């Protein structure tokens, strides 16, 4: 007696089909997760890039708010809404820089509205042979950093204001 094949599915065929479909679904899921992870990292990087750029612009182009913040006896995040080093656009004030230099790290961080990042700000004399650092504020503890430079004038000298934001990979590059 001959057996006829009527298109019946055996248990082995079902198991193989199930494994293939499961493999495809797991592959799609893994690719999806990797894409979301990359997107989150890109967005985090974009946020910190924007934050460091805005901080540098604010310091170089504005006097701060209030504009006489550097004359105040007590400078903190309550008395100063924003910090700026400029007398006019791109012309820095040594008085404002000196007051900022005298502030403690946490106060300056609060005024700059930096929560997760650590900052380091330098003002360097571009006209000196070895780019002498005139002012340095903050610290450099993080593994990763974003640095923005702006050029300005301080006491008739061309200077470079460099704002560096340091961050921990786990803080900003979450998946």
C-alpha atoms as a PDB file:
ATOM      1  CA  UNK A   1       0.000   0.000   0.000  1.00  0.00           C
ATOM      2  CA  UNK A   2       1.273   3.377  -1.008  1.00  0.00           C
ATOM      3  CA  UNK A   3       0.932   6.446   1.183  1.00  0.00           C
ATOM      4  CA  UNK A   4      -0.199   9.553  -0.458  1.00  0.00           C
ATOM      5  CA  UNK A   5       1.097  12.935   0.574  1.00  0.00           C
ATOM      6  CA  UNK A   6      -1.854  15.193   1.134  1.00  0.00           C
ATOM      7  CA  UNK A   7       0.022  18.276   2.398  1.00  0.00           C
ATOM      8  CA  UNK A   8      -0.151  17.316   5.993  1.00  0.00           C
ATOM      9  CA  UNK A   9       2.152  19.138   8.418  1.00  0.00           C
ATOM     10  CA  UNK A  10       4.224  17.090  10.752  1.00  0.00           C
ATOM     11  CA  UNK A  11       5.329  18.091  14.225  1.00  0.00           C
ATOM     12  CA  UNK A  12       8.867  18.588  12.990  1.00  0.00           C
ATOM     13  CA  UNK A  13       7.697  21.035  10.339  1.00  0.00           C
ATOM     14  CA  UNK A  14       5.796  23.030  12.983  1.00  0.00           C
ATOM     15  CA  UNK A  15       8.796  23.127  15.312  1.00  0.00           C
ATOM     16  CA  UNK A  16      11.126  24.347  12.547  1.00  0.00           C
ATOM     17  CA  UNK A  17       8.641  27.036  11.469  1.00  0.00           C
ATOM     18  CA  UNK A  18       8.224  28.166  15.079  1.00  0.00           C
ATOM     19  CA  UNK A  19      12.010  28.440  15.568  1.00  0.00           C
ATOM     20  CA  UNK A  20      12.414  30.416  12.324  1.00  0.00           C
ATOM     21  CA  UNK A  21       9.615  32.855  13.230  1.00  0.00           C
ATOM     22  CA  UNK A  22      10.990  33.216  16.767  1.00  0.00           C
ATOM     23  CA  UNK A  23      14.480  33.929  15.390  1.00  0.00           C
ATOM     24  CA  UNK A  24      13.106  36.605  13.053  1.00  0.00           C
ATOM     25  CA  UNK A  25      11.118  38.264  15.858  1.00  0.00           C
ATOM     26  CA  UNK A  26      14.103  38.256  18.219  1.00  0.00           C
ATOM     27  CA  UNK A  27      16.323  39.728  15.497  1.00  0.00           C
ATOM     28  CA  UNK A  28      13.825  42.510  14.810  1.00  0.00           C
ATOM     29  CA  UNK A  29      13.535  43.205  18.546  1.00  0.00           C
ATOM     30  CA  UNK A  30      17.332  43.414  18.920  1.00  0.00           C
ATOM     31  CA  UNK A  31      17.703  45.769  15.946  1.00  0.00           C
ATOM     32  CA  UNK A  32      14.885  47.927  17.350  1.00  0.00           C
ATOM     33  CA  UNK A  33      16.608  48.153  20.753  1.00  0.00           C
ATOM     34  CA  UNK A  34      19.950  49.060  19.180  1.00  0.00           C
ATOM     35  CA  UNK A  35      18.266  51.784  17.134  1.00  0.00           C
ATOM     36  CA  UNK A  36      16.547  53.230  20.209  1.00  0.00           C
ATOM     37  CA  UNK A  37      19.841  53.162  22.092  1.00  0.00           C
ATOM     38  CA  UNK A  38      21.617  55.058  19.316  1.00  0.00           C
ATOM     39  CA  UNK A  39      18.791  57.576  19.125  1.00  0.00           C
ATOM     40  CA  UNK A  40      18.938  58.180  22.900  1.00  0.00           C
ATOM     41  CA  UNK A  41      22.699  58.698  22.742  1.00  0.00           C
ATOM     42  CA  UNK A  42      22.371  61.096  19.838  1.00  0.00           C
ATOM     43  CA  UNK A  43      19.683  63.080  21.671  1.00  0.00           C
ATOM     44  CA  UNK A  44      21.755  63.218  24.873  1.00  0.00           C
ATOM     45  CA  UNK A  45      24.772  64.454  22.933  1.00  0.00           C
ATOM     46  CA  UNK A  46      22.651  67.065  21.183  1.00  0.00           C
ATOM     47  CA  UNK A  47      21.321  68.332  24.518  1.00  0.00           C
ATOM     48  CA  UNK A  48      24.780  68.754  26.049  1.00  0.00           C
ATOM     49  CA  UNK A  49      26.141  70.338  22.845  1.00  0.00           C
ATOM     50  CA  UNK A  50      23.336  72.888  22.970  1.00  0.00           C
ATOM     51  CA  UNK A  51      23.829  73.487  26.704  1.00  0.00           C
ATOM     52  CA  UNK A  52      27.571  74.187  26.408  1.00  0.00           C
ATOM     53  CA  UNK A  53      27.034  76.459  23.403  1.00  0.00           C
ATOM     54  CA  UNK A  54      24.282  78.428  25.160  1.00  0.00           C
ATOM     55  CA  UNK A  55      26.429  78.779  28.294  1.00  0.00           C
ATOM     56  CA  UNK A  56      29.393  80.121  26.312  1.00  0.00           C
ATOM     57  CA  UNK A  57      27.184  82.562  24.387  1.00  0.00           C
ATOM     58  CA  UNK A  58      25.565  83.808  27.583  1.00  0.00           C
ATOM     59  CA  UNK A  59      28.927  84.430  29.245  1.00  0.00           C
ATOM     60  CA  UNK A  60      30.492  86.264  26.293  1.00  0.00           C
ATOM     61  CA  UNK A  61      27.553  88.261  24.989  1.00  0.00           C
ATOM     62  CA  UNK A  62      25.567  89.331  28.063  1.00  0.00           C
ATOM     63  CA  UNK A  63      26.280  91.191  31.297  1.00  0.00           C
ATOM     64  CA  UNK A  64      24.054  88.777  33.220  1.00  0.00           C
ATOM     65  CA  UNK A  65      20.854  89.416  35.147  1.00  0.00           C
ATOM     66  CA  UNK A  66      20.836  91.629  37.018  1.00  0.00           C
ATOM     67  CA  UNK A  67      23.453  93.476  34.988  1.00  0.00           C
ATOM     68  CA  UNK A  68      25.295  94.550  38.150  1.00  0.00           C
ATOM     69  CA  UNK A  69      25.389  91.074  39.709  1.00  0.00           C
ATOM     70  CA  UNK A  70      29.121  91.311  40.250  1.00  0.00           C
ATOM     71  CA  UNK A  71      28.683  94.339  42.560  1.00  0.00           C
ATOM     72  CA  UNK A  72      26.441  92.445  44.968  1.00  0.00           C
ATOM     73  CA  UNK A  73      27.766  91.501  48.367  1.00  0.00           C
ATOM     74  CA  UNK A  74      26.146  88.061  48.244  1.00  0.00           C
ATOM     75  CA  UNK A  75      26.063  86.254  44.913  1.00  0.00           C
ATOM     76  CA  UNK A  76      23.977  83.095  44.688  1.00  0.00           C
ATOM     77  CA  UNK A  77      21.323  81.511  42.479  1.00  0.00           C
ATOM     78  CA  UNK A  78      18.621  83.531  44.250  1.00  0.00           C
ATOM     79  CA  UNK A  79      20.230  86.933  43.696  1.00  0.00           C
ATOM     80  CA  UNK A  80      21.575  86.211  40.184  1.00  0.00           C
ATOM     81  CA  UNK A  81      19.257  84.850  37.511  1.00  0.00           C
ATOM     82  CA  UNK A  82      21.972  84.470  34.871  1.00  0.00           C
ATOM     83  CA  UNK A  83      25.685  85.068  34.745  1.00  0.00           C
ATOM     84  CA  UNK A  84      27.449  87.038  32.044  1.00  0.00           C
ATOM     85  CA  UNK A  85      30.987  88.360  31.760  1.00  0.00           C
ATOM     86  CA  UNK A  86      30.363  90.973  29.035  1.00  0.00           C
ATOM     87  CA  UNK A  87      30.244  94.740  29.406  1.00  0.00           C
ATOM     88  CA  UNK A  88      29.102  94.786  25.791  1.00  0.00           C
ATOM     89  CA  UNK A  89      28.828  92.091  23.152  1.00  0.00           C
ATOM     90  CA  UNK A  90      32.183  90.208  23.143  1.00  0.00           C
ATOM     91  CA  UNK A  91      33.887  92.750  25.420  1.00  0.00           C
ATOM     92  CA  UNK A  92      34.529  91.098  28.761  1.00  0.00           C
ATOM     93  CA  UNK A  93      34.697  92.771  32.157  1.00  0.00           C
ATOM     94  CA  UNK A  94      37.604  91.877  34.421  1.00  0.00           C
ATOM     95  CA  UNK A  95      35.415  92.803  37.427  1.00  0.00           C
ATOM     96  CA  UNK A  96      32.748  90.265  36.424  1.00  0.00           C
ATOM     97  CA  UNK A  97      35.379  87.611  35.732  1.00  0.00           C
ATOM     98  CA  UNK A  98      37.069  88.335  39.054  1.00  0.00           C
ATOM     99  CA  UNK A  99      33.795  88.007  40.965  1.00  0.00           C
ATOM    100  CA  UNK A 100      32.955  84.747  39.167  1.00  0.00           C
ATOM    101  CA  UNK A 101      36.458  83.473  39.909  1.00  0.00           C
ATOM    102  CA  UNK A 102      35.926  84.143  43.617  1.00  0.00           C
ATOM    103  CA  UNK A 103      32.680  82.151  43.787  1.00  0.00           C
ATOM    104  CA  UNK A 104      32.686  78.614  45.095  1.00  0.00           C
ATOM    105  CA  UNK A 105      32.136  75.803  42.617  1.00  0.00           C
ATOM    106  CA  UNK A 106      28.596  74.818  43.632  1.00  0.00           C
ATOM    107  CA  UNK A 107      27.304  78.416  43.625  1.00  0.00           C
ATOM    108  CA  UNK A 108      28.638  78.994  40.129  1.00  0.00           C
ATOM    109  CA  UNK A 109      27.196  75.674  38.978  1.00  0.00           C
ATOM    110  CA  UNK A 110      23.739  76.644  40.287  1.00  0.00           C
ATOM    111  CA  UNK A 111      23.859  80.075  38.641  1.00  0.00           C
ATOM    112  CA  UNK A 112      24.876  78.481  35.330  1.00  0.00           C
ATOM    113  CA  UNK A 113      21.917  76.063  35.715  1.00  0.00           C
ATOM    114  CA  UNK A 114      24.100  73.000  35.408  1.00  0.00           C
ATOM    115  CA  UNK A 115      22.719  69.994  37.202  1.00  0.00           C
ATOM    116  CA  UNK A 116      24.378  66.830  35.931  1.00  0.00           C
ATOM    117  CA  UNK A 117      27.410  68.356  34.256  1.00  0.00           C
ATOM    118  CA  UNK A 118      30.641  69.548  35.765  1.00  0.00           C
ATOM    119  CA  UNK A 119      32.142  72.688  34.249  1.00  0.00           C
ATOM    120  CA  UNK A 120      35.539  74.156  33.570  1.00  0.00           C
ATOM    121  CA  UNK A 121      35.873  77.683  32.172  1.00  0.00           C
ATOM    122  CA  UNK A 122      39.108  79.297  31.076  1.00  0.00           C
ATOM    123  CA  UNK A 123      39.953  82.705  29.679  1.00  0.00           C
ATOM    124  CA  UNK A 124      43.261  82.656  27.802  1.00  0.00           C
ATOM    125  CA  UNK A 125      45.336  85.493  26.371  1.00  0.00           C
ATOM    126  CA  UNK A 126      45.674  84.796  22.649  1.00  0.00           C
ATOM    127  CA  UNK A 127      48.270  87.516  22.193  1.00  0.00           C
ATOM    128  CA  UNK A 128      50.797  85.898  24.536  1.00  0.00           C
ATOM    129  CA  UNK A 129      53.292  83.444  23.085  1.00  0.00           C
ATOM    130  CA  UNK A 130      52.016  80.467  25.078  1.00  0.00           C
ATOM    131  CA  UNK A 131      48.311  81.390  25.424  1.00  0.00           C
ATOM    132  CA  UNK A 132      48.499  82.253  29.096  1.00  0.00           C
ATOM    133  CA  UNK A 133      45.412  81.313  31.085  1.00  0.00           C
ATOM    134  CA  UNK A 134      44.174  84.453  32.835  1.00  0.00           C
ATOM    135  CA  UNK A 135      41.190  82.880  34.622  1.00  0.00           C
ATOM    136  CA  UNK A 136      40.310  79.253  35.284  1.00  0.00           C
ATOM    137  CA  UNK A 137      37.119  78.244  37.089  1.00  0.00           C
ATOM    138  CA  UNK A 138      35.585  74.867  37.820  1.00  0.00           C
ATOM    139  CA  UNK A 139      36.968  71.366  37.627  1.00  0.00           C
ATOM    140  CA  UNK A 140      37.443  68.580  35.118  1.00  0.00           C
ATOM    141  CA  UNK A 141      36.223  65.368  36.742  1.00  0.00           C
ATOM    142  CA  UNK A 142      34.195  63.707  33.984  1.00  0.00           C
ATOM    143  CA  UNK A 143      35.299  61.102  31.527  1.00  0.00           C
ATOM    144  CA  UNK A 144      33.595  62.788  28.588  1.00  0.00           C
ATOM    145  CA  UNK A 145      33.530  66.461  27.670  1.00  0.00           C
ATOM    146  CA  UNK A 146      32.166  68.934  25.187  1.00  0.00           C
ATOM    147  CA  UNK A 147      34.200  72.102  24.668  1.00  0.00           C
ATOM    148  CA  UNK A 148      33.140  75.365  23.033  1.00  0.00           C
ATOM    149  CA  UNK A 149      35.406  78.358  22.442  1.00  0.00           C
ATOM    150  CA  UNK A 150      34.364  81.960  21.980  1.00  0.00           C
ATOM    151  CA  UNK A 151      36.632  84.887  21.222  1.00  0.00           C
ATOM    152  CA  UNK A 152      36.312  88.232  22.938  1.00  0.00           C
ATOM    153  CA  UNK A 153      38.248  91.238  24.170  1.00  0.00           C
ATOM    154  CA  UNK A 154      39.428  91.716  27.740  1.00  0.00           C
ATOM    155  CA  UNK A 155      41.386  94.860  28.654  1.00  0.00           C
ATOM    156  CA  UNK A 156      42.174  95.554  24.963  1.00  0.00           C
ATOM    157  CA  UNK A 157      43.529  92.026  24.537  1.00  0.00           C
ATOM    158  CA  UNK A 158      42.043  89.295  22.385  1.00  0.00           C
ATOM    159  CA  UNK A 159      41.103  86.350  24.589  1.00  0.00           C
ATOM    160  CA  UNK A 160      39.569  82.931  24.148  1.00  0.00           C
ATOM    161  CA  UNK A 161      36.827  81.917  26.551  1.00  0.00           C
ATOM    162  CA  UNK A 162      36.584  78.152  26.643  1.00  0.00           C
ATOM    163  CA  UNK A 163      33.630  76.440  28.292  1.00  0.00           C
ATOM    164  CA  UNK A 164      33.977  72.719  28.919  1.00  0.00           C
ATOM    165  CA  UNK A 165      31.154  70.584  30.258  1.00  0.00           C
ATOM    166  CA  UNK A 166      32.167  67.228  31.635  1.00  0.00           C
ATOM    167  CA  UNK A 167      29.691  64.437  32.100  1.00  0.00           C
ATOM    168  CA  UNK A 168      29.552  60.819  33.068  1.00  0.00           C
ATOM    169  CA  UNK A 169      28.615  58.408  30.294  1.00  0.00           C
ATOM    170  CA  UNK A 170      26.035  56.705  32.495  1.00  0.00           C
ATOM    171  CA  UNK A 171      24.376  60.040  33.277  1.00  0.00           C
ATOM    172  CA  UNK A 172      23.870  61.235  29.717  1.00  0.00           C
ATOM    173  CA  UNK A 173      24.173  58.236  27.491  1.00  0.00           C
ATOM    174  CA  UNK A 174      21.382  56.184  28.970  1.00  0.00           C
ATOM    175  CA  UNK A 175      19.796  53.572  26.788  1.00  0.00           C
END
